[in-house]
C-alpha cells in the first residue's frame, strides 16, 4: 500500500485515513489501484477507507484503461 508516495502498512493506512477523515473539511482521497492488483485487494482497501470514515473519495487513473489492447 502507498500513501502520498510512500509505502505504508495496513495499520498505517488506517491511521492516515482516520486522521484525514477527522479534519473539519475532509480532503478528497484519491485511489489508484495498481494495474495488476487483485480485485480482492482493491475491494479491501476501499472497505478500509470507508471504515475509517472517509466521505470524499475518488478513483484516479481510469483514463489509462479506456481502450483494450
Protein backbone atom coordinates (compact mmCIF):
# COMPACT_ATOMS: atom_id res chain seq x y z
CA UNK A 1 0.00 0.00 0.00
CA UNK A 2 1.14 3.53 -0.73
CA UNK A 3 0.09 6.81 0.91
CA UNK A 4 1.36 10.05 -0.64
CA UNK A 5 4.10 8.20 -2.50
CA UNK A 6 5.43 6.21 0.45
CA UNK A 7 4.89 2.57 1.34
CA UNK A 8 2.67 2.01 4.39
CA UNK A 9 1.29 -0.95 6.30
CA UNK A 10 -2.44 -1.53 6.61
CA UNK A 11 -2.35 -0.11 10.14
CA UNK A 12 -0.51 2.99 8.99
CA UNK A 13 -3.01 3.46 6.16
CA UNK A 14 -5.89 3.19 8.64
CA UNK A 15 -4.25 5.85 10.82
CA UNK A 16 -3.71 8.21 7.89
CA UNK A 17 -7.25 7.79 6.53
CA UNK A 18 -8.75 8.24 10.01
CA UNK A 19 -6.72 11.44 10.50
CA UNK A 20 -7.85 12.80 7.13
CA UNK A 21 -11.45 11.86 7.96
CA UNK A 22 -11.28 13.78 11.25
CA UNK A 23 -10.41 17.07 9.58
CA UNK A 24 -13.10 19.77 9.57
CA UNK A 25 -13.18 19.68 5.80
CA UNK A 26 -12.15 16.27 4.53
CA UNK A 27 -9.73 16.19 1.62
CA UNK A 28 -10.64 14.12 -1.40
CA UNK A 29 -8.88 10.78 -1.02
CA UNK A 30 -7.74 9.62 -4.45
CA UNK A 31 -7.50 5.90 -5.01
CA UNK A 32 -5.48 4.46 -7.89
CA UNK A 33 -5.01 0.71 -7.66
CA UNK A 34 -2.05 -0.82 -9.45
CA UNK A 35 -2.99 -2.34 -12.80
CA UNK A 36 -2.03 -5.80 -11.56
CA UNK A 37 -3.54 -5.71 -8.08
CA UNK A 38 -6.25 -8.27 -7.40
CA UNK A 39 -9.89 -7.21 -7.27
CA UNK A 40 -9.99 -8.53 -3.69
CA UNK A 41 -7.09 -6.34 -2.56
CA UNK A 42 -8.64 -3.25 -4.17
CA UNK A 43 -12.04 -4.01 -2.61
CA UNK A 44 -10.45 -4.50 0.83
CA UNK A 45 -8.68 -1.15 0.51
CA UNK A 46 -11.92 0.60 -0.44
CA UNK A 47 -13.62 -1.03 2.56
CA UNK A 48 -10.80 0.17 4.83
CA UNK A 49 -11.23 3.73 3.55
CA UNK A 50 -14.97 3.61 4.23
CA UNK A 51 -14.47 2.01 7.66
CA UNK A 52 -12.20 4.86 8.70
CA UNK A 53 -14.91 7.43 7.92
CA UNK A 54 -13.79 8.93 4.63
CA UNK A 55 -16.68 10.53 2.78
CA UNK A 56 -14.80 12.26 -0.02
CA UNK A 57 -13.29 9.60 -2.25
CA UNK A 58 -12.41 9.38 -5.96
CA UNK A 59 -10.84 6.92 -8.38
CA UNK A 60 -7.99 8.32 -10.46
CA UNK A 61 -6.05 6.94 -13.40
CA UNK A 62 -9.08 5.36 -15.08
CA UNK A 63 -8.18 7.02 -18.37
CA UNK A 64 -5.30 4.53 -18.74
CA UNK A 65 -7.82 1.77 -19.29
CA UNK A 66 -10.11 3.43 -21.87
CA UNK A 67 -9.08 1.07 -24.60
CA UNK A 68 -8.28 -2.61 -24.57
CA UNK A 69 -5.13 -3.74 -26.33
